[in-house]
Amino acid sequence: MKLFKLFAIILPLFALAACSSSPDKGMQEGDVLVEDRGAESAGVDGQGADGEDMGAEAKVVVGEDQYAGNELNDPDSPLSNRTVYFEYDSDVVRNEDQQTLQAHAAYLAENPNLTVRLEGHTDERGSREYNLALGERRALSVRRILMLQGASIDQFQVTSFGEERPAEEGGDEYAWSQNRRVELVYVGR
């Protein structure tokens, strides 16, 4: 009887341990992790949105135009731009964002220990399901370009928030244009 009680206690613990593994383990090359978070979680979990956890502090030398620190934080570097915008209902990367993506691809190729989370977003038009899928397609378009230019598939996490995390509140063209985006979030080594 004691053995049965012990087994009844241990079995649920093993089941909980099995469920607590990270959601991206066992993912294949084409798989995508889609986070579905409500608008009440306004911040992004984890560190790295501004590159601060990359190991180097940014310093601007007063009185000179020199910058010493992490390349991701250099305001004169294309790496400081970590947002790619899209046209309405499109997952095609615009020509004006190609140079930025080339710089990020080169940086990722030079730093294979870094990971970047590609967060796809949409404006509020369209159904929730459609917008989650469109945000995913946008993030995958950015990933494809970065990989073609030297980054490794192991360096990416793809997430779609759809319309859930607008950068700009409002129902006009300006707000919509700011919300149709993919954000590149460096998450560390």
N, C-alpha and C. Protein backbone atom coordinates (compact mmCIF):
# COMPACT_ATOMS: atom_id res chain seq x y z
N MET A 1 0.82 -1.19 0.00
CA MET A 1 0.00 0.00 0.00
C MET A 1 0.87 1.26 0.00
N LYS A 2 1.98 1.26 0.80
CA LYS A 2 2.86 2.41 0.83
C LYS A 2 3.49 2.64 -0.54
N LEU A 3 3.81 1.57 -1.23
CA LEU A 3 4.40 1.69 -2.56
C LEU A 3 3.42 2.33 -3.53
N PHE A 4 2.15 1.98 -3.40
CA PHE A 4 1.13 2.57 -4.26
C PHE A 4 0.99 4.07 -4.00
N LYS A 5 1.01 4.49 -2.72
CA LYS A 5 0.91 5.90 -2.37
C LYS A 5 2.13 6.67 -2.89
N LEU A 6 3.30 6.07 -2.73
CA LEU A 6 4.52 6.71 -3.21
C LEU A 6 4.46 6.89 -4.73
N PHE A 7 4.00 5.86 -5.42
CA PHE A 7 3.87 5.93 -6.88
C PHE A 7 2.85 7.00 -7.28
N ALA A 8 1.76 7.11 -6.51
CA ALA A 8 0.72 8.11 -6.79
C ALA A 8 1.24 9.53 -6.60
N ILE A 9 2.23 9.71 -5.75
CA ILE A 9 2.82 11.02 -5.53
C ILE A 9 3.88 11.33 -6.58
N ILE A 10 4.71 10.37 -6.91
CA ILE A 10 5.84 10.59 -7.83
C ILE A 10 5.38 10.72 -9.27
N LEU A 11 4.39 9.97 -9.70
CA LEU A 11 3.94 10.00 -11.09
C LEU A 11 3.51 11.40 -11.53
N PRO A 12 2.68 12.13 -10.75
CA PRO A 12 2.33 13.50 -11.19
C PRO A 12 3.54 14.43 -11.25
N LEU A 13 4.54 14.21 -10.38
CA LEU A 13 5.74 15.05 -10.42
C LEU A 13 6.50 14.85 -11.73
N PHE A 14 6.61 13.60 -12.17
CA PHE A 14 7.25 13.33 -13.45
C PHE A 14 6.47 13.96 -14.61
N ALA A 15 5.16 13.91 -14.53
CA ALA A 15 4.34 14.50 -15.58
C ALA A 15 4.53 16.02 -15.63
N LEU A 16 4.61 16.66 -14.46
CA LEU A 16 4.86 18.10 -14.42
C LEU A 16 6.23 18.45 -14.96
N ALA A 17 7.22 17.66 -14.62
CA ALA A 17 8.58 17.91 -15.12
C ALA A 17 8.63 17.78 -16.63
N ALA A 18 7.91 16.83 -17.17
CA ALA A 18 7.90 16.65 -18.62
C ALA A 18 7.22 17.82 -19.32
N CYS A 19 6.22 18.42 -18.69
CA CYS A 19 5.51 19.54 -19.29
C CYS A 19 6.26 20.86 -19.16
N SER A 20 7.25 20.92 -18.30
CA SER A 20 7.93 22.18 -18.05
C SER A 20 9.08 22.46 -19.00
N SER A 21 9.34 21.58 -19.95
CA SER A 21 10.43 21.83 -20.89
C SER A 21 10.10 23.01 -21.78
N SER A 22 11.14 23.63 -22.34
CA SER A 22 10.90 24.82 -23.17
C SER A 22 10.17 24.43 -24.45
N PRO A 23 9.32 25.34 -24.97
CA PRO A 23 8.46 25.00 -26.09
C PRO A 23 9.18 24.82 -27.41
N ASP A 24 10.44 25.29 -27.53
CA ASP A 24 11.10 25.18 -28.81
C ASP A 24 12.00 23.96 -28.93
N LYS A 25 12.08 23.12 -27.88
CA LYS A 25 12.90 21.92 -28.00
C LYS A 25 12.25 20.97 -28.99
N GLY A 26 13.05 20.35 -29.80
CA GLY A 26 12.55 19.42 -30.78
C GLY A 26 11.99 20.07 -32.02
N MET A 27 12.15 21.38 -32.14
CA MET A 27 11.62 22.07 -33.31
C MET A 27 12.50 21.77 -34.51
N GLN A 28 11.89 21.65 -35.63
CA GLN A 28 12.61 21.42 -36.87
C GLN A 28 12.90 22.75 -37.55
N GLU A 29 13.64 22.72 -38.65
CA GLU A 29 14.07 23.93 -39.33
C GLU A 29 12.93 24.84 -39.74
N GLY A 30 11.83 24.31 -40.21
CA GLY A 30 10.74 25.14 -40.70
C GLY A 30 9.73 25.53 -39.63
N ASP A 31 9.88 24.97 -38.40
CA ASP A 31 8.92 25.24 -37.34
C ASP A 31 9.06 26.67 -36.83
N VAL A 32 7.97 27.20 -36.33
CA VAL A 32 7.94 28.57 -35.83
C VAL A 32 7.25 28.57 -34.47
N LEU A 33 7.82 29.29 -33.53
CA LEU A 33 7.22 29.48 -32.24
C LEU A 33 6.34 30.72 -32.32
N VAL A 34 5.05 30.56 -32.06
CA VAL A 34 4.12 31.69 -32.12
C VAL A 34 3.65 31.97 -30.70
N GLU A 35 4.03 33.13 -30.19
CA GLU A 35 3.57 33.55 -28.87
C GLU A 35 2.27 34.28 -29.04
N ASP A 36 1.28 33.90 -28.26
CA ASP A 36 -0.01 34.57 -28.29
C ASP A 36 -0.21 35.20 -26.92
N ARG A 37 0.18 36.46 -26.80
CA ARG A 37 0.05 37.15 -25.54
C ARG A 37 -0.98 38.25 -25.69
N GLY A 38 -1.73 38.46 -24.65
CA GLY A 38 -2.72 39.52 -24.67
C GLY A 38 -2.07 40.88 -24.58
N ALA A 39 -2.83 41.90 -24.86
CA ALA A 39 -2.32 43.27 -24.84
C ALA A 39 -1.93 43.71 -23.44
N GLU A 40 -2.42 42.99 -22.39
CA GLU A 40 -2.09 43.40 -21.04
C GLU A 40 -0.62 43.17 -20.71
N SER A 41 0.09 42.35 -21.46
CA SER A 41 1.52 42.15 -21.23
C SER A 41 2.30 43.04 -22.18
N ALA A 42 2.39 44.30 -21.83
CA ALA A 42 2.94 45.30 -22.74
C ALA A 42 4.42 45.18 -22.95
N GLY A 43 5.18 44.72 -21.97
CA GLY A 43 6.63 44.63 -22.12
C GLY A 43 7.05 43.34 -22.76
N VAL A 44 8.27 43.30 -23.26
CA VAL A 44 8.81 42.08 -23.84
C VAL A 44 9.58 41.36 -22.76
N ASP A 45 9.33 40.08 -22.59
CA ASP A 45 10.05 39.31 -21.60
C ASP A 45 11.50 39.17 -22.00
N GLY A 46 12.37 39.09 -21.02
CA GLY A 46 13.78 38.87 -21.29
C GLY A 46 14.52 40.17 -21.50
N GLN A 47 15.80 40.03 -21.75
CA GLN A 47 16.66 41.18 -21.95
C GLN A 47 17.11 41.23 -23.38
N GLY A 48 17.74 42.30 -23.72
CA GLY A 48 18.38 42.37 -25.02
C GLY A 48 17.70 43.28 -26.01
N ALA A 49 16.58 43.90 -25.66
CA ALA A 49 15.89 44.73 -26.63
C ALA A 49 16.76 45.87 -27.13
N ASP A 50 17.65 46.33 -26.27
CA ASP A 50 18.52 47.41 -26.71
C ASP A 50 19.97 46.97 -26.76
N GLY A 51 20.22 45.68 -26.68
CA GLY A 51 21.57 45.17 -26.79
C GLY A 51 22.38 45.30 -25.52
N GLU A 52 21.77 45.73 -24.41
CA GLU A 52 22.53 45.95 -23.20
C GLU A 52 23.14 44.69 -22.64
N ASP A 53 22.54 43.53 -22.88
CA ASP A 53 23.09 42.30 -22.33
C ASP A 53 24.13 41.67 -23.25
N MET A 54 24.63 42.38 -24.21
CA MET A 54 25.60 41.85 -25.15
C MET A 54 27.02 41.93 -24.60
N GLY A 55 27.20 42.47 -23.41
CA GLY A 55 28.50 42.40 -22.78
C GLY A 55 29.34 43.66 -22.88
N ALA A 56 28.95 44.66 -23.59
CA ALA A 56 29.74 45.88 -23.69
C ALA A 56 28.86 47.08 -23.43
N GLU A 57 29.38 48.02 -22.68
CA GLU A 57 28.62 49.24 -22.42
C GLU A 57 28.95 50.29 -23.46
N ALA A 58 27.95 51.04 -23.85
CA ALA A 58 28.15 52.08 -24.85
C ALA A 58 28.69 53.33 -24.19
N LYS A 59 29.61 53.99 -24.85
CA LYS A 59 30.17 55.24 -24.35
C LYS A 59 30.27 56.21 -25.50
N VAL A 60 29.83 57.41 -25.27
CA VAL A 60 30.00 58.47 -26.26
C VAL A 60 31.04 59.42 -25.69
N VAL A 61 32.09 59.68 -26.46
CA VAL A 61 33.13 60.58 -26.02
C VAL A 61 32.65 62.01 -26.25
N VAL A 62 32.53 62.78 -25.16
CA VAL A 62 32.03 64.14 -25.24
C VAL A 62 33.02 65.01 -26.00
N GLY A 63 32.51 65.80 -26.91
CA GLY A 63 33.36 66.72 -27.66
C GLY A 63 33.97 66.11 -28.91
N GLU A 64 33.76 64.85 -29.14
CA GLU A 64 34.28 64.18 -30.33
C GLU A 64 33.16 63.40 -30.98
N ASP A 65 33.36 63.05 -32.22
CA ASP A 65 32.36 62.26 -32.92
C ASP A 65 32.71 60.78 -32.90
N GLN A 66 33.39 60.34 -31.87
CA GLN A 66 33.77 58.94 -31.78
C GLN A 66 32.83 58.22 -30.85
N TYR A 67 32.61 56.97 -31.15
CA TYR A 67 31.73 56.13 -30.35
C TYR A 67 32.53 54.90 -29.95
N ALA A 68 32.51 54.55 -28.68
CA ALA A 68 33.18 53.35 -28.20
C ALA A 68 32.16 52.53 -27.43
N GLY A 69 31.96 51.30 -27.81
CA GLY A 69 31.00 50.45 -27.12
C GLY A 69 30.44 49.41 -28.06
N ASN A 70 29.33 48.87 -27.68
CA ASN A 70 28.67 47.83 -28.45
C ASN A 70 28.14 48.40 -29.76
N GLU A 71 28.46 47.71 -30.85
CA GLU A 71 28.02 48.17 -32.18
C GLU A 71 26.51 48.31 -32.28
N LEU A 72 25.79 47.47 -31.54
CA LEU A 72 24.33 47.51 -31.61
C LEU A 72 23.76 48.82 -31.09
N ASN A 73 24.51 49.50 -30.25
CA ASN A 73 24.01 50.74 -29.66
C ASN A 73 24.59 51.99 -30.31
N ASP A 74 25.46 51.84 -31.28
CA ASP A 74 26.05 52.99 -31.97
C ASP A 74 24.98 53.65 -32.81
N PRO A 75 24.61 54.89 -32.49
CA PRO A 75 23.52 55.54 -33.23
C PRO A 75 23.83 55.78 -34.70
N ASP A 76 25.10 55.75 -35.08
CA ASP A 76 25.47 55.94 -36.48
C ASP A 76 25.55 54.64 -37.26
N SER A 77 25.36 53.52 -36.59
CA SER A 77 25.45 52.21 -37.24
C SER A 77 24.07 51.75 -37.71
N PRO A 78 24.03 51.07 -38.85
CA PRO A 78 22.73 50.51 -39.27
C PRO A 78 22.22 49.45 -38.29
N LEU A 79 23.11 48.94 -37.41
CA LEU A 79 22.69 47.95 -36.42
C LEU A 79 21.80 48.56 -35.34
N SER A 80 21.87 49.88 -35.17
CA SER A 80 21.01 50.52 -34.16
C SER A 80 19.55 50.51 -34.59
N ASN A 81 19.29 50.34 -35.87
CA ASN A 81 17.92 50.22 -36.37
C ASN A 81 17.54 48.75 -36.32
N ARG A 82 16.61 48.42 -35.45
CA ARG A 82 16.19 47.03 -35.30
C ARG A 82 14.71 46.85 -35.58
N THR A 83 14.17 47.71 -36.45
CA THR A 83 12.76 47.58 -36.84
C THR A 83 12.66 47.65 -38.36
N VAL A 84 11.96 46.68 -38.93
CA VAL A 84 11.71 46.62 -40.37
C VAL A 84 10.21 46.81 -40.57
N TYR A 85 9.84 47.76 -41.43
CA TYR A 85 8.43 48.07 -41.66
C TYR A 85 7.93 47.44 -42.95
N PHE A 86 6.62 47.24 -43.03
CA PHE A 86 5.99 46.57 -44.17
C PHE A 86 4.82 47.38 -44.69
N GLU A 87 4.52 47.17 -45.96
CA GLU A 87 3.33 47.76 -46.56
C GLU A 87 2.10 47.00 -46.07
N TYR A 88 0.93 47.57 -46.30
CA TYR A 88 -0.32 46.96 -45.89
C TYR A 88 -0.49 45.57 -46.49
N ASP A 89 -0.83 44.60 -45.65
CA ASP A 89 -1.13 43.23 -46.05
C ASP A 89 0.01 42.59 -46.84
N SER A 90 1.26 42.92 -46.50
CA SER A 90 2.42 42.40 -47.24
C SER A 90 3.44 41.82 -46.28
N ASP A 91 4.15 40.80 -46.77
CA ASP A 91 5.29 40.27 -46.02
C ASP A 91 6.58 40.45 -46.82
N VAL A 92 6.57 41.34 -47.80
CA VAL A 92 7.75 41.61 -48.62
C VAL A 92 8.56 42.72 -47.97
N VAL A 93 9.84 42.45 -47.75
CA VAL A 93 10.73 43.45 -47.13
C VAL A 93 10.98 44.56 -48.14
N ARG A 94 10.85 45.80 -47.68
CA ARG A 94 11.02 46.96 -48.56
C ARG A 94 12.50 47.15 -48.92
N ASN A 95 12.75 47.77 -50.07
CA ASN A 95 14.12 48.03 -50.52
C ASN A 95 14.90 48.87 -49.52
N GLU A 96 14.25 49.84 -48.90
CA GLU A 96 14.96 50.73 -47.98
C GLU A 96 15.42 50.03 -46.70
N ASP A 97 14.95 48.81 -46.43
CA ASP A 97 15.39 48.07 -45.26
C ASP A 97 16.48 47.04 -45.57
N GLN A 98 16.84 46.89 -46.83
CA GLN A 98 17.83 45.88 -47.22
C GLN A 98 19.20 46.14 -46.60
N GLN A 99 19.66 47.41 -46.59
CA GLN A 99 20.97 47.73 -46.04
C GLN A 99 21.03 47.40 -44.54
N THR A 100 19.96 47.71 -43.83
CA THR A 100 19.89 47.39 -42.40
C THR A 100 20.00 45.90 -42.19
N LEU A 101 19.26 45.12 -42.97
CA LEU A 101 19.30 43.67 -42.82
C LEU A 101 20.65 43.09 -43.21
N GLN A 102 21.32 43.68 -44.21
CA GLN A 102 22.67 43.23 -44.56
C GLN A 102 23.62 43.43 -43.40
N ALA A 103 23.51 44.56 -42.71
CA ALA A 103 24.38 44.83 -41.56
C ALA A 103 24.10 43.83 -40.44
N HIS A 104 22.83 43.54 -40.17
CA HIS A 104 22.50 42.57 -39.12
C HIS A 104 22.96 41.16 -39.50
N ALA A 105 22.82 40.80 -40.76
CA ALA A 105 23.27 39.48 -41.19
C ALA A 105 24.78 39.34 -41.01
N ALA A 106 25.54 40.37 -41.37
CA ALA A 106 26.99 40.33 -41.21
C ALA A 106 27.35 40.25 -39.73
N TYR A 107 26.65 41.00 -38.91
CA TYR A 107 26.91 40.98 -37.46
C TYR A 107 26.63 39.60 -36.88
N LEU A 108 25.52 39.00 -37.29
CA LEU A 108 25.18 37.66 -36.80
C LEU A 108 26.18 36.62 -37.30
N ALA A 109 26.62 36.75 -38.55
CA ALA A 109 27.60 35.81 -39.09
C ALA A 109 28.93 35.91 -38.33
N GLU A 110 29.30 37.12 -37.93
CA GLU A 110 30.54 37.33 -37.17
C GLU A 110 30.40 36.90 -35.71
N ASN A 111 29.18 36.81 -35.22
CA ASN A 111 28.91 36.47 -33.82
C ASN A 111 27.95 35.29 -33.76
N PRO A 112 28.41 34.09 -34.09
CA PRO A 112 27.50 32.94 -34.16
C PRO A 112 26.91 32.54 -32.81
N ASN A 113 27.43 33.09 -31.71
CA ASN A 113 26.89 32.77 -30.40
C ASN A 113 25.67 33.62 -30.04
N LEU A 114 25.34 34.61 -30.87
CA LEU A 114 24.20 35.48 -30.59
C LEU A 114 22.91 34.90 -31.16
N THR A 115 21.82 35.23 -30.50
CA THR A 115 20.48 34.83 -30.94
C THR A 115 19.64 36.09 -31.07
N VAL A 116 18.81 36.12 -32.09
CA VAL A 116 17.91 37.25 -32.27
C VAL A 116 16.48 36.72 -32.38
N ARG A 117 15.58 37.39 -31.65
CA ARG A 117 14.17 37.04 -31.73
C ARG A 117 13.53 37.98 -32.75
N LEU A 118 12.90 37.43 -33.75
CA LEU A 118 12.21 38.21 -34.78
C LEU A 118 10.73 38.25 -34.41
N GLU A 119 10.28 39.43 -34.01
CA GLU A 119 8.91 39.59 -33.54
C GLU A 119 8.06 40.25 -34.62
N GLY A 120 7.13 39.48 -35.18
CA GLY A 120 6.26 39.99 -36.23
C GLY A 120 5.02 40.66 -35.66
N HIS A 121 4.68 41.82 -36.24
CA HIS A 121 3.52 42.60 -35.79
C HIS A 121 2.70 43.05 -36.99
N THR A 122 1.43 43.36 -36.72
CA THR A 122 0.53 43.86 -37.77
C THR A 122 -0.26 45.03 -37.23
N ASP A 123 -0.98 45.70 -38.12
CA ASP A 123 -1.92 46.71 -37.63
C ASP A 123 -3.21 45.98 -37.22
N GLU A 124 -4.18 46.74 -36.77
CA GLU A 124 -5.39 46.14 -36.20
C GLU A 124 -6.39 45.62 -37.23
N ARG A 125 -6.17 45.93 -38.49
CA ARG A 125 -7.13 45.50 -39.51
C ARG A 125 -6.94 44.01 -39.78
N GLY A 126 -8.03 43.30 -39.98
CA GLY A 126 -7.98 41.86 -40.22
C GLY A 126 -8.32 41.10 -38.94
N SER A 127 -8.63 39.83 -39.10
CA SER A 127 -8.99 39.01 -37.94
C SER A 127 -7.74 38.71 -37.10
N ARG A 128 -7.97 38.33 -35.90
CA ARG A 128 -6.87 38.00 -34.99
C ARG A 128 -6.01 36.87 -35.57
N GLU A 129 -6.64 35.84 -36.08
CA GLU A 129 -5.92 34.69 -36.64
C GLU A 129 -5.12 35.09 -37.87
N TYR A 130 -5.74 35.90 -38.73
CA TYR A 130 -5.04 36.35 -39.94
C TYR A 130 -3.82 37.17 -39.56
N ASN A 131 -3.96 38.05 -38.58
CA ASN A 131 -2.86 38.90 -38.18
C ASN A 131 -1.73 38.12 -37.54
N LEU A 132 -2.04 37.09 -36.77
CA LEU A 132 -0.98 36.24 -36.22
C LEU A 132 -0.20 35.56 -37.35
N ALA A 133 -0.92 35.07 -38.36
CA ALA A 133 -0.26 34.42 -39.49
C ALA A 133 0.56 35.43 -40.30
N LEU A 134 0.05 36.64 -40.50
CA LEU A 134 0.78 37.67 -41.24
C LEU A 134 2.03 38.10 -40.49
N GLY A 135 1.93 38.27 -39.19
CA GLY A 135 3.11 38.61 -38.38
C GLY A 135 4.18 37.54 -38.49
N GLU A 136 3.75 36.28 -38.51
CA GLU A 136 4.69 35.16 -38.67
C GLU A 136 5.36 35.19 -40.04
N ARG A 137 4.57 35.42 -41.09
CA ARG A 137 5.14 35.49 -42.44
C ARG A 137 6.15 36.63 -42.56
N ARG A 138 5.86 37.75 -41.93
CA ARG A 138 6.79 38.88 -41.97
C ARG A 138 8.11 38.51 -41.28
N ALA A 139 8.02 37.90 -40.11
CA ALA A 139 9.23 37.50 -39.39
C ALA A 139 10.02 36.47 -40.19
N LEU A 140 9.33 35.54 -40.84
CA LEU A 140 10.02 34.54 -41.65
C LEU A 140 10.68 35.16 -42.87
N SER A 141 10.09 36.22 -43.44
CA SER A 141 10.72 36.93 -44.56
C SER A 141 12.03 37.56 -44.13
N VAL A 142 12.03 38.18 -42.97
CA VAL A 142 13.25 38.78 -42.45
C VAL A 142 14.29 37.70 -42.17
N ARG A 143 13.86 36.59 -41.55
CA ARG A 143 14.79 35.49 -41.27
C ARG A 143 15.41 34.95 -42.56
N ARG A 144 14.60 34.79 -43.59
CA ARG A 144 15.10 34.26 -44.86
C ARG A 144 16.19 35.16 -45.44
N ILE A 145 15.98 36.47 -45.40
CA ILE A 145 16.97 37.41 -45.92
C ILE A 145 18.26 37.34 -45.10
N LEU A 146 18.13 37.32 -43.77
CA LEU A 146 19.30 37.25 -42.91
C LEU A 146 20.09 35.96 -43.12
N MET A 147 19.38 34.86 -43.33
CA MET A 147 20.06 33.58 -43.56
C MET A 147 20.75 33.55 -44.92
N LEU A 148 20.13 34.13 -45.93
CA LEU A 148 20.75 34.17 -47.26
C LEU A 148 22.04 34.98 -47.25
N GLN A 149 22.18 35.86 -46.27
CA GLN A 149 23.36 36.72 -46.20
C GLN A 149 24.34 36.27 -45.12
N GLY A 150 24.19 35.05 -44.60
CA GLY A 150 25.24 34.50 -43.74
C GLY A 150 24.86 34.11 -42.34
N ALA A 151 23.71 34.49 -41.83
CA ALA A 151 23.32 34.09 -40.48
C ALA A 151 22.87 32.63 -40.49
N SER A 152 22.95 31.99 -39.34
CA SER A 152 22.57 30.59 -39.20
C SER A 152 21.15 30.47 -38.67
N ILE A 153 20.44 29.42 -39.07
CA ILE A 153 19.07 29.22 -38.59
C ILE A 153 19.01 29.05 -37.09
N ASP A 154 20.11 28.56 -36.48
CA ASP A 154 20.15 28.37 -35.04
C ASP A 154 20.16 29.69 -34.27
N GLN A 155 20.36 30.80 -34.95
CA GLN A 155 20.44 32.10 -34.30
C GLN A 155 19.09 32.80 -34.18
N PHE A 156 18.00 32.14 -34.57
CA PHE A 156 16.71 32.82 -34.64
C PHE A 156 15.65 32.16 -33.78
N GLN A 157 14.82 33.02 -33.22
CA GLN A 157 13.54 32.64 -32.65
C GLN A 157 12.51 33.49 -33.39
N VAL A 158 11.49 32.86 -33.91
CA VAL A 158 10.46 33.60 -34.66
C VAL A 158 9.19 33.62 -33.82
N THR A 159 8.67 34.82 -33.60
CA THR A 159 7.48 35.01 -32.78
C THR A 159 6.53 35.96 -33.51
N SER A 160 5.24 35.67 -33.45
CA SER A 160 4.25 36.58 -34.01
C SER A 160 3.34 37.07 -32.90
N PHE A 161 3.20 38.38 -32.81
CA PHE A 161 2.26 38.97 -31.86
C PHE A 161 1.01 39.49 -32.58
N GLY A 162 1.01 39.43 -33.91
CA GLY A 162 -0.15 39.94 -34.64
C GLY A 162 -0.41 41.39 -34.30
N GLU A 163 -1.64 41.69 -33.95
CA GLU A 163 -2.04 43.07 -33.63
C GLU A 163 -1.96 43.37 -32.13
N GLU A 164 -1.50 42.41 -31.33
CA GLU A 164 -1.60 42.51 -29.87
C GLU A 164 -0.68 43.53 -29.23
N ARG A 165 0.41 43.93 -29.85
CA ARG A 165 1.35 44.87 -29.25
C ARG A 165 1.63 46.04 -30.20
N PRO A 166 0.69 46.94 -30.32
CA PRO A 166 0.91 48.06 -31.24
C PRO A 166 2.02 48.98 -30.75
N ALA A 167 2.81 49.48 -31.68
CA ALA A 167 3.84 50.47 -31.36
C ALA A 167 3.20 51.84 -31.23
N GLU A 168 2.11 52.04 -31.95
CA GLU A 168 1.43 53.34 -31.98
C GLU A 168 -0.07 53.08 -31.87
N GLU A 169 -0.71 53.72 -30.91
CA GLU A 169 -2.17 53.60 -30.76
C GLU A 169 -2.84 54.51 -31.78
N GLY A 170 -3.97 54.09 -32.28
CA GLY A 170 -4.73 54.93 -33.20
C GLY A 170 -5.24 54.13 -34.38
N GLY A 171 -6.19 54.72 -35.08
CA GLY A 171 -6.80 54.05 -36.22
C GLY A 171 -6.59 54.81 -37.51
N ASP A 172 -5.46 55.48 -37.65
CA ASP A 172 -5.16 56.20 -38.89
C ASP A 172 -3.95 55.58 -39.59
N GLU A 173 -3.67 56.05 -40.78
CA GLU A 173 -2.60 55.46 -41.59
C GLU A 173 -1.24 55.54 -40.90
N TYR A 174 -0.95 56.63 -40.20
CA TYR A 174 0.33 56.74 -39.52
C TYR A 174 0.49 55.64 -38.48
N ALA A 175 -0.50 55.45 -37.63
CA ALA A 175 -0.44 54.42 -36.60
C ALA A 175 -0.32 53.04 -37.22
N TRP A 176 -1.11 52.79 -38.25
CA TRP A 176 -1.05 51.48 -38.90
C TRP A 176 0.34 51.22 -39.49
N SER A 177 0.93 52.25 -40.11
CA SER A 177 2.25 52.07 -40.73
C SER A 177 3.32 51.77 -39.69
N GLN A 178 3.18 52.29 -38.47
CA GLN A 178 4.15 52.02 -37.41
C GLN A 178 3.96 50.63 -36.80
N ASN A 179 2.79 50.07 -36.94
CA ASN A 179 2.48 48.77 -36.36
C ASN A 179 2.78 47.60 -37.29
N ARG A 180 2.93 47.86 -38.57
CA ARG A 180 3.25 46.80 -39.54
C ARG A 180 4.77 46.64 -39.56
N ARG A 181 5.29 45.74 -38.70
CA ARG A 181 6.73 45.71 -38.50
C ARG A 181 7.21 44.35 -38.02
N VAL A 182 8.54 44.18 -38.13
CA VAL A 182 9.25 43.09 -37.46
C VAL A 182 10.34 43.75 -36.64
N GLU A 183 10.41 43.39 -35.37
CA GLU A 183 11.45 43.91 -34.49
C GLU A 183 12.50 42.84 -34.29
N LEU A 184 13.77 43.22 -34.40
CA LEU A 184 14.89 42.33 -34.15
C LEU A 184 15.34 42.57 -32.73
N VAL A 185 15.18 41.56 -31.87
CA VAL A 185 15.51 41.68 -30.46
C VAL A 185 16.65 40.70 -30.17
N TYR A 186 17.83 41.25 -29.90
CA TYR A 186 18.97 40.41 -29.55
C TYR A 186 18.78 39.92 -28.12
N VAL A 187 18.83 38.60 -27.96
CA VAL A 187 18.52 38.01 -26.65
C VAL A 187 19.74 37.47 -25.94
N GLY A 188 20.92 37.60 -26.48
CA GLY A 188 22.12 37.21 -25.74
C GLY A 188 22.96 36.19 -26.45
N ARG A 189 23.85 35.66 -25.69
CA ARG A 189 24.84 34.71 -26.20
C ARG A 189 24.25 33.32 -26.29
